[in-house]
Amino acid sequence: MYHVYILISEKDGRTYVGYTHSLEERLRQHNNGQVNATKNRRPLKFFYTEEFETLAEAKERELWWKSSSGRRKLKELFKSKA
């Protein structure tokens, strides 16, 4: 199983989208400063996750979340969780 995840920074409220096979391990890496893109925005927590059977599906979905359509959907998620 592969996962697409959206992290939210507790420091600045910005999001990060990625994919992994191990959610717990990946969150640990982000919060330990091992990921350059997020090391200055720690601590981070999961905002949203999705599960996929294949790596190709997860990569495709990650790219969608990073697109303008995906960002619009992310704004809707923010509103619904507020």
PDB file of N, CA and C in Angstrom:
ATOM      1  N   MET A   1       0.822  -1.185   0.000  1.00  0.00           N
ATOM      2  CA  MET A   1       0.000   0.000   0.000  1.00  0.00           C
ATOM      3  C   MET A   1       0.869   1.253   0.000  1.00  0.00           C
ATOM      4  N   TYR A   2       0.402   2.251  -0.695  1.00  0.00           N
ATOM      5  CA  TYR A   2       1.060   3.549  -0.734  1.00  0.00           C
ATOM      6  C   TYR A   2       0.073   4.611  -0.273  1.00  0.00           C
ATOM      7  N   HIS A   3       0.607   5.675   0.244  1.00  0.00           N
ATOM      8  CA  HIS A   3      -0.228   6.738   0.790  1.00  0.00           C
ATOM      9  C   HIS A   3       0.193   8.080   0.206  1.00  0.00           C
ATOM     10  N   VAL A   4      -0.798   8.902  -0.083  1.00  0.00           N
ATOM     11  CA  VAL A   4      -0.570  10.305  -0.381  1.00  0.00           C
ATOM     12  C   VAL A   4      -0.979  11.038   0.877  1.00  0.00           C
ATOM     13  N   TYR A   5      -0.154  11.984   1.296  1.00  0.00           N
ATOM     14  CA  TYR A   5      -0.438  12.677   2.543  1.00  0.00           C
ATOM     15  C   TYR A   5      -0.290  14.180   2.366  1.00  0.00           C
ATOM     16  N   ILE A   6      -1.051  14.892   3.148  1.00  0.00           N
ATOM     17  CA  ILE A   6      -0.931  16.339   3.208  1.00  0.00           C
ATOM     18  C   ILE A   6      -0.602  16.680   4.657  1.00  0.00           C
ATOM     19  N   LEU A   7       0.531  17.324   4.837  1.00  0.00           N
ATOM     20  CA  LEU A   7       0.952  17.767   6.160  1.00  0.00           C
ATOM     21  C   LEU A   7       0.611  19.238   6.312  1.00  0.00           C
ATOM     22  N   ILE A   8       0.381  19.640   7.533  1.00  0.00           N
ATOM     23  CA  ILE A   8       0.194  21.052   7.828  1.00  0.00           C
ATOM     24  C   ILE A   8       1.190  21.446   8.907  1.00  0.00           C
ATOM     25  N   SER A   9       1.812  22.590   8.694  1.00  0.00           N
ATOM     26  CA  SER A   9       2.792  23.091   9.648  1.00  0.00           C
ATOM     27  C   SER A   9       2.070  23.758  10.802  1.00  0.00           C
ATOM     28  N   GLU A  10       2.418  23.361  12.006  1.00  0.00           N
ATOM     29  CA  GLU A  10       1.849  24.014  13.186  1.00  0.00           C
ATOM     30  C   GLU A  10       2.526  25.367  13.415  1.00  0.00           C
ATOM     31  N   LYS A  11       3.632  25.604  12.735  1.00  0.00           N
ATOM     32  CA  LYS A  11       4.365  26.860  12.871  1.00  0.00           C
ATOM     33  C   LYS A  11       3.753  27.968  12.010  1.00  0.00           C
ATOM     34  N   ASP A  12       3.509  27.651  10.712  1.00  0.00           N
ATOM     35  CA  ASP A  12       3.034  28.697   9.809  1.00  0.00           C
ATOM     36  C   ASP A  12       1.740  28.365   9.064  1.00  0.00           C
ATOM     37  N   GLY A  13       1.176  27.179   9.300  1.00  0.00           N
ATOM     38  CA  GLY A  13      -0.093  26.812   8.682  1.00  0.00           C
ATOM     39  C   GLY A  13      -0.019  26.422   7.219  1.00  0.00           C
ATOM     40  N   ARG A  14       1.179  26.354   6.662  1.00  0.00           N
ATOM     41  CA  ARG A  14       1.334  25.968   5.255  1.00  0.00           C
ATOM     42  C   ARG A  14       1.278  24.449   5.122  1.00  0.00           C
ATOM     43  N   THR A  15       1.000  23.990   3.912  1.00  0.00           N
ATOM     44  CA  THR A  15       0.853  22.558   3.671  1.00  0.00           C
ATOM     45  C   THR A  15       1.999  22.014   2.823  1.00  0.00           C
ATOM     46  N   TYR A  16       2.148  20.697   2.897  1.00  0.00           N
ATOM     47  CA  TYR A  16       3.125  19.961   2.100  1.00  0.00           C
ATOM     48  C   TYR A  16       2.445  18.684   1.641  1.00  0.00           C
ATOM     49  N   VAL A  17       2.589  18.335   0.362  1.00  0.00           N
ATOM     50  CA  VAL A  17       1.994  17.127  -0.198  1.00  0.00           C
ATOM     51  C   VAL A  17       3.106  16.170  -0.593  1.00  0.00           C
ATOM     52  N   GLY A  18       2.939  14.887  -0.239  1.00  0.00           N
ATOM     53  CA  GLY A  18       3.915  13.876  -0.608  1.00  0.00           C
ATOM     54  C   GLY A  18       3.284  12.503  -0.665  1.00  0.00           C
ATOM     55  N   TYR A  19       4.100  11.496  -0.969  1.00  0.00           N
ATOM     56  CA  TYR A  19       3.627  10.108  -0.972  1.00  0.00           C
ATOM     57  C   TYR A  19       4.666   9.238  -0.295  1.00  0.00           C
ATOM     58  N   THR A  20       4.208   8.101   0.237  1.00  0.00           N
ATOM     59  CA  THR A  20       5.104   7.203   0.957  1.00  0.00           C
ATOM     60  C   THR A  20       4.458   5.829   1.088  1.00  0.00           C
ATOM     61  N   HIS A  21       5.243   4.859   1.514  1.00  0.00           N
ATOM     62  CA  HIS A  21       4.689   3.547   1.848  1.00  0.00           C
ATOM     63  C   HIS A  21       4.493   3.410   3.357  1.00  0.00           C
ATOM     64  N   SER A  22       5.088   4.323   4.138  1.00  0.00           N
ATOM     65  CA  SER A  22       4.965   4.268   5.591  1.00  0.00           C
ATOM     66  C   SER A  22       4.681   5.664   6.145  1.00  0.00           C
ATOM     67  N   LEU A  23       3.445   5.918   6.497  1.00  0.00           N
ATOM     68  CA  LEU A  23       3.067   7.238   6.993  1.00  0.00           C
ATOM     69  C   LEU A  23       3.816   7.622   8.260  1.00  0.00           C
ATOM     70  N   GLU A  24       3.909   6.708   9.206  1.00  0.00           N
ATOM     71  CA  GLU A  24       4.546   7.015  10.486  1.00  0.00           C
ATOM     72  C   GLU A  24       6.021   7.372  10.310  1.00  0.00           C
ATOM     73  N   GLU A  25       6.715   6.589   9.494  1.00  0.00           N
ATOM     74  CA  GLU A  25       8.137   6.833   9.249  1.00  0.00           C
ATOM     75  C   GLU A  25       8.344   8.165   8.542  1.00  0.00           C
ATOM     76  N   ARG A  26       7.496   8.449   7.569  1.00  0.00           N
ATOM     77  CA  ARG A  26       7.646   9.689   6.815  1.00  0.00           C
ATOM     78  C   ARG A  26       7.388  10.916   7.692  1.00  0.00           C
ATOM     79  N   LEU A  27       6.380  10.851   8.548  1.00  0.00           N
ATOM     80  CA  LEU A  27       6.114  11.968   9.456  1.00  0.00           C
ATOM     81  C   LEU A  27       7.297  12.177  10.404  1.00  0.00           C
ATOM     82  N   ARG A  28       7.868  11.078  10.880  1.00  0.00           N
ATOM     83  CA  ARG A  28       9.045  11.175  11.742  1.00  0.00           C
ATOM     84  C   ARG A  28      10.182  11.884  11.006  1.00  0.00           C
ATOM     85  N   GLN A  29      10.429  11.523   9.748  1.00  0.00           N
ATOM     86  CA  GLN A  29      11.490  12.160   8.960  1.00  0.00           C
ATOM     87  C   GLN A  29      11.239  13.658   8.820  1.00  0.00           C
ATOM     88  N   HIS A  30       9.999  14.025   8.527  1.00  0.00           N
ATOM     89  CA  HIS A  30       9.677  15.447   8.396  1.00  0.00           C
ATOM     90  C   HIS A  30       9.931  16.178   9.708  1.00  0.00           C
ATOM     91  N   ASN A  31       9.457  15.628  10.811  1.00  0.00           N
ATOM     92  CA  ASN A  31       9.580  16.308  12.100  1.00  0.00           C
ATOM     93  C   ASN A  31      10.992  16.271  12.682  1.00  0.00           C
ATOM     94  N   ASN A  32      11.836  15.380  12.180  1.00  0.00           N
ATOM     95  CA  ASN A  32      13.239  15.341  12.615  1.00  0.00           C
ATOM     96  C   ASN A  32      14.126  16.240  11.759  1.00  0.00           C
ATOM     97  N   GLY A  33      13.542  16.948  10.793  1.00  0.00           N
ATOM     98  CA  GLY A  33      14.317  17.853   9.947  1.00  0.00           C
ATOM     99  C   GLY A  33      15.073  17.179   8.832  1.00  0.00           C
ATOM    100  N   GLN A  34      14.708  15.960   8.478  1.00  0.00           N
ATOM    101  CA  GLN A  34      15.418  15.216   7.441  1.00  0.00           C
ATOM    102  C   GLN A  34      14.900  15.508   6.034  1.00  0.00           C
ATOM    103  N   VAL A  35      13.855  16.327   5.918  1.00  0.00           N
ATOM    104  CA  VAL A  35      13.290  16.687   4.619  1.00  0.00           C
ATOM    105  C   VAL A  35      13.505  18.189   4.429  1.00  0.00           C
ATOM    106  N   ASN A  36      14.327  18.540   3.449  1.00  0.00           N
ATOM    107  CA  ASN A  36      14.699  19.943   3.251  1.00  0.00           C
ATOM    108  C   ASN A  36      13.492  20.857   3.084  1.00  0.00           C
ATOM    109  N   ALA A  37      12.482  20.410   2.379  1.00  0.00           N
ATOM    110  CA  ALA A  37      11.327  21.260   2.090  1.00  0.00           C
ATOM    111  C   ALA A  37      10.540  21.648   3.338  1.00  0.00           C
ATOM    112  N   THR A  38      10.657  20.873   4.396  1.00  0.00           N
ATOM    113  CA  THR A  38       9.842  21.148   5.586  1.00  0.00           C
ATOM    114  C   THR A  38      10.646  21.365   6.859  1.00  0.00           C
ATOM    115  N   LYS A  39      11.949  21.305   6.792  1.00  0.00           N
ATOM    116  CA  LYS A  39      12.727  21.352   8.033  1.00  0.00           C
ATOM    117  C   LYS A  39      12.587  22.670   8.794  1.00  0.00           C
ATOM    118  N   ASN A  40      12.273  23.756   8.120  1.00  0.00           N
ATOM    119  CA  ASN A  40      12.106  25.036   8.796  1.00  0.00           C
ATOM    120  C   ASN A  40      10.654  25.332   9.169  1.00  0.00           C
ATOM    121  N   ARG A  41       9.772  24.365   8.938  1.00  0.00           N
ATOM    122  CA  ARG A  41       8.354  24.580   9.227  1.00  0.00           C
ATOM    123  C   ARG A  41       7.829  23.597  10.277  1.00  0.00           C
ATOM    124  N   ARG A  42       8.707  22.989  11.025  1.00  0.00           N
ATOM    125  CA  ARG A  42       8.322  22.028  12.051  1.00  0.00           C
ATOM    126  C   ARG A  42       7.718  22.730  13.255  1.00  0.00           C
ATOM    127  N   PRO A  43       6.852  22.067  14.000  1.00  0.00           N
ATOM    128  CA  PRO A  43       6.358  20.695  13.840  1.00  0.00           C
ATOM    129  C   PRO A  43       5.244  20.618  12.790  1.00  0.00           C
ATOM    130  N   LEU A  44       5.115  19.411  12.234  1.00  0.00           N
ATOM    131  CA  LEU A  44       4.105  19.135  11.224  1.00  0.00           C
ATOM    132  C   LEU A  44       3.190  18.024  11.721  1.00  0.00           C
ATOM    133  N   LYS A  45       1.972  18.029  11.211  1.00  0.00           N
ATOM    134  CA  LYS A  45       1.034  16.952  11.533  1.00  0.00           C
ATOM    135  C   LYS A  45       0.244  16.625  10.281  1.00  0.00           C
ATOM    136  N   PHE A  46      -0.355  15.430  10.275  1.00  0.00           N
ATOM    137  CA  PHE A  46      -1.166  15.037   9.138  1.00  0.00           C
ATOM    138  C   PHE A  46      -2.449  15.856   9.100  1.00  0.00           C
ATOM    139  N   PHE A  47      -2.769  16.341   7.911  1.00  0.00           N
ATOM    140  CA  PHE A  47      -4.024  17.040   7.679  1.00  0.00           C
ATOM    141  C   PHE A  47      -4.990  16.126   6.933  1.00  0.00           C
ATOM    142  N   TYR A  48      -4.443  15.319   5.994  1.00  0.00           N
ATOM    143  CA  TYR A  48      -5.279  14.464   5.149  1.00  0.00           C
ATOM    144  C   TYR A  48      -4.408  13.352   4.578  1.00  0.00           C
ATOM    145  N   THR A  49      -4.964  12.149   4.456  1.00  0.00           N
ATOM    146  CA  THR A  49      -4.243  11.034   3.825  1.00  0.00           C
ATOM    147  C   THR A  49      -5.187  10.260   2.916  1.00  0.00           C
ATOM    148  N   GLU A  50      -4.613   9.606   1.914  1.00  0.00           N
ATOM    149  CA  GLU A  50      -5.331   8.718   1.005  1.00  0.00           C
ATOM    150  C   GLU A  50      -4.476   7.477   0.788  1.00  0.00           C
ATOM    151  N   GLU A  51      -5.107   6.345   0.507  1.00  0.00           N
ATOM    152  CA  GLU A  51      -4.394   5.084   0.332  1.00  0.00           C
ATOM    153  C   GLU A  51      -4.582   4.572  -1.097  1.00  0.00           C
ATOM    154  N   PHE A  52      -3.500   4.021  -1.676  1.00  0.00           N
ATOM    155  CA  PHE A  52      -3.522   3.512  -3.039  1.00  0.00           C
ATOM    156  C   PHE A  52      -2.823   2.164  -3.122  1.00  0.00           C
ATOM    157  N   GLU A  53      -3.242   1.369  -4.066  1.00  0.00           N
ATOM    158  CA  GLU A  53      -2.668   0.034  -4.275  1.00  0.00           C
ATOM    159  C   GLU A  53      -1.264   0.099  -4.869  1.00  0.00           C
ATOM    160  N   THR A  54      -1.043   1.038  -5.803  1.00  0.00           N
ATOM    161  CA  THR A  54       0.230   1.058  -6.512  1.00  0.00           C
ATOM    162  C   THR A  54       0.950   2.395  -6.340  1.00  0.00           C
ATOM    163  N   LEU A  55       2.244   2.350  -6.541  1.00  0.00           N
ATOM    164  CA  LEU A  55       3.069   3.550  -6.488  1.00  0.00           C
ATOM    165  C   LEU A  55       2.656   4.524  -7.585  1.00  0.00           C
ATOM    166  N   ALA A  56       2.357   4.013  -8.758  1.00  0.00           N
ATOM    167  CA  ALA A  56       1.962   4.876  -9.875  1.00  0.00           C
ATOM    168  C   ALA A  56       0.695   5.668  -9.545  1.00  0.00           C
ATOM    169  N   GLU A  57      -0.277   5.018  -8.914  1.00  0.00           N
ATOM    170  CA  GLU A  57      -1.502   5.709  -8.522  1.00  0.00           C
ATOM    171  C   GLU A  57      -1.206   6.809  -7.510  1.00  0.00           C
ATOM    172  N   ALA A  58      -0.351   6.510  -6.546  1.00  0.00           N
ATOM    173  CA  ALA A  58      -0.009   7.489  -5.515  1.00  0.00           C
ATOM    174  C   ALA A  58       0.709   8.691  -6.122  1.00  0.00           C
ATOM    175  N   LYS A  59       1.648   8.448  -7.031  1.00  0.00           N
ATOM    176  CA  LYS A  59       2.371   9.544  -7.672  1.00  0.00           C
ATOM    177  C   LYS A  59       1.427  10.424  -8.483  1.00  0.00           C
ATOM    178  N   GLU A  60       0.513   9.787  -9.189  1.00  0.00           N
ATOM    179  CA  GLU A  60      -0.452  10.538  -9.995  1.00  0.00           C
ATOM    180  C   GLU A  60      -1.330  11.424  -9.108  1.00  0.00           C
ATOM    181  N   ARG A  61      -1.784  10.868  -7.995  1.00  0.00           N
ATOM    182  CA  ARG A  61      -2.631  11.631  -7.091  1.00  0.00           C
ATOM    183  C   ARG A  61      -1.853  12.773  -6.421  1.00  0.00           C
ATOM    184  N   GLU A  62      -0.594  12.527  -6.078  1.00  0.00           N
ATOM    185  CA  GLU A  62       0.232  13.582  -5.501  1.00  0.00           C
ATOM    186  C   GLU A  62       0.332  14.761  -6.468  1.00  0.00           C
ATOM    187  N   LEU A  63       0.576  14.466  -7.730  1.00  0.00           N
ATOM    188  CA  LEU A  63       0.652  15.532  -8.730  1.00  0.00           C
ATOM    189  C   LEU A  63      -0.674  16.272  -8.847  1.00  0.00           C
ATOM    190  N   TRP A  64      -1.795  15.555  -8.738  1.00  0.00           N
ATOM    191  CA  TRP A  64      -3.099  16.209  -8.801  1.00  0.00           C
ATOM    192  C   TRP A  64      -3.265  17.176  -7.635  1.00  0.00           C
ATOM    193  N   TRP A  65      -2.898  16.758  -6.425  1.00  0.00           N
ATOM    194  CA  TRP A  65      -3.019  17.639  -5.258  1.00  0.00           C
ATOM    195  C   TRP A  65      -2.175  18.898  -5.428  1.00  0.00           C
ATOM    196  N   LYS A  66      -1.082  18.801  -6.169  1.00  0.00           N
ATOM    197  CA  LYS A  66      -0.206  19.951  -6.379  1.00  0.00           C
ATOM    198  C   LYS A  66      -0.680  20.837  -7.534  1.00  0.00           C
ATOM    199  N   SER A  67      -1.681  20.386  -8.273  1.00  0.00           N
ATOM    200  CA  SER A  67      -2.222  21.158  -9.396  1.00  0.00           C
ATOM    201  C   SER A  67      -3.209  22.210  -8.893  1.00  0.00           C
ATOM    202  N   SER A  68      -3.654  23.050  -9.794  1.00  0.00           N
ATOM    203  CA  SER A  68      -4.626  24.077  -9.397  1.00  0.00           C
ATOM    204  C   SER A  68      -5.938  23.450  -8.949  1.00  0.00           C
ATOM    205  N   SER A  69      -6.369  22.371  -9.585  1.00  0.00           N
ATOM    206  CA  SER A  69      -7.596  21.683  -9.159  1.00  0.00           C
ATOM    207  C   SER A  69      -7.445  21.108  -7.760  1.00  0.00           C
ATOM    208  N   GLY A  70      -6.306  20.508  -7.502  1.00  0.00           N
ATOM    209  CA  GLY A  70      -6.050  19.925  -6.189  1.00  0.00           C
ATOM    210  C   GLY A  70      -5.971  20.989  -5.106  1.00  0.00           C
ATOM    211  N   ARG A  71      -5.370  22.103  -5.406  1.00  0.00           N
ATOM    212  CA  ARG A  71      -5.274  23.193  -4.428  1.00  0.00           C
ATOM    213  C   ARG A  71      -6.650  23.778  -4.120  1.00  0.00           C
ATOM    214  N   ARG A  72      -7.524  23.846  -5.131  1.00  0.00           N
ATOM    215  CA  ARG A  72      -8.898  24.304  -4.878  1.00  0.00           C
ATOM    216  C   ARG A  72      -9.609  23.341  -3.939  1.00  0.00           C
ATOM    217  N   LYS A  73      -9.431  22.042  -4.177  1.00  0.00           N
ATOM    218  CA  LYS A  73     -10.048  21.034  -3.316  1.00  0.00           C
ATOM    219  C   LYS A  73      -9.489  21.135  -1.894  1.00  0.00           C
ATOM    220  N   LEU A  74      -8.200  21.402  -1.775  1.00  0.00           N
ATOM    221  CA  LEU A  74      -7.572  21.555  -0.466  1.00  0.00           C
ATOM    222  C   LEU A  74      -8.195  22.724   0.297  1.00  0.00           C
ATOM    223  N   LYS A  75      -8.473  23.812  -0.395  1.00  0.00           N
ATOM    224  CA  LYS A  75      -9.135  24.947   0.247  1.00  0.00           C
ATOM    225  C   LYS A  75     -10.514  24.551   0.765  1.00  0.00           C
ATOM    226  N   GLU A  76     -11.233  23.717  -0.007  1.00  0.00           N
ATOM    227  CA  GLU A  76     -12.538  23.232   0.449  1.00  0.00           C
ATOM    228  C   GLU A  76     -12.391  22.376   1.710  1.00  0.00           C
ATOM    229  N   LEU A  77     -11.348  21.534   1.750  1.00  0.00           N
ATOM    230  CA  LEU A  77     -11.107  20.712   2.922  1.00  0.00           C
ATOM    231  C   LEU A  77     -10.828  21.569   4.155  1.00  0.00           C
ATOM    232  N   PHE A  78     -10.063  22.638   3.967  1.00  0.00           N
ATOM    233  CA  PHE A  78      -9.776  23.555   5.076  1.00  0.00           C
ATOM    234  C   PHE A  78     -11.077  24.124   5.638  1.00  0.00           C
ATOM    235  N   LYS A  79     -11.960  24.536   4.739  1.00  0.00           N
ATOM    236  CA  LYS A  79     -13.228  25.125   5.168  1.00  0.00           C
ATOM    237  C   LYS A  79     -14.077  24.105   5.925  1.00  0.00           C
ATOM    238  N   SER A  80     -14.102  22.862   5.456  1.00  0.00           N
ATOM    239  CA  SER A  80     -14.943  21.836   6.089  1.00  0.00           C
ATOM    240  C   SER A  80     -14.389  21.394   7.435  1.00  0.00           C
ATOM    241  N   LYS A  81     -13.060  21.507   7.633  1.00  0.00           N
ATOM    242  CA  LYS A  81     -12.464  21.100   8.902  1.00  0.00           C
ATOM    243  C   LYS A  81     -12.394  22.241   9.899  1.00  0.00           C
ATOM    244  N   ALA A  82     -12.691  23.439   9.447  1.00  0.00           N
ATOM    245  CA  ALA A  82     -12.622  24.619  10.341  1.00  0.00           C
ATOM    246  C   ALA A  82     -13.815  24.712  11.260  1.00  0.00           C
TER     247      ALA A  82
END
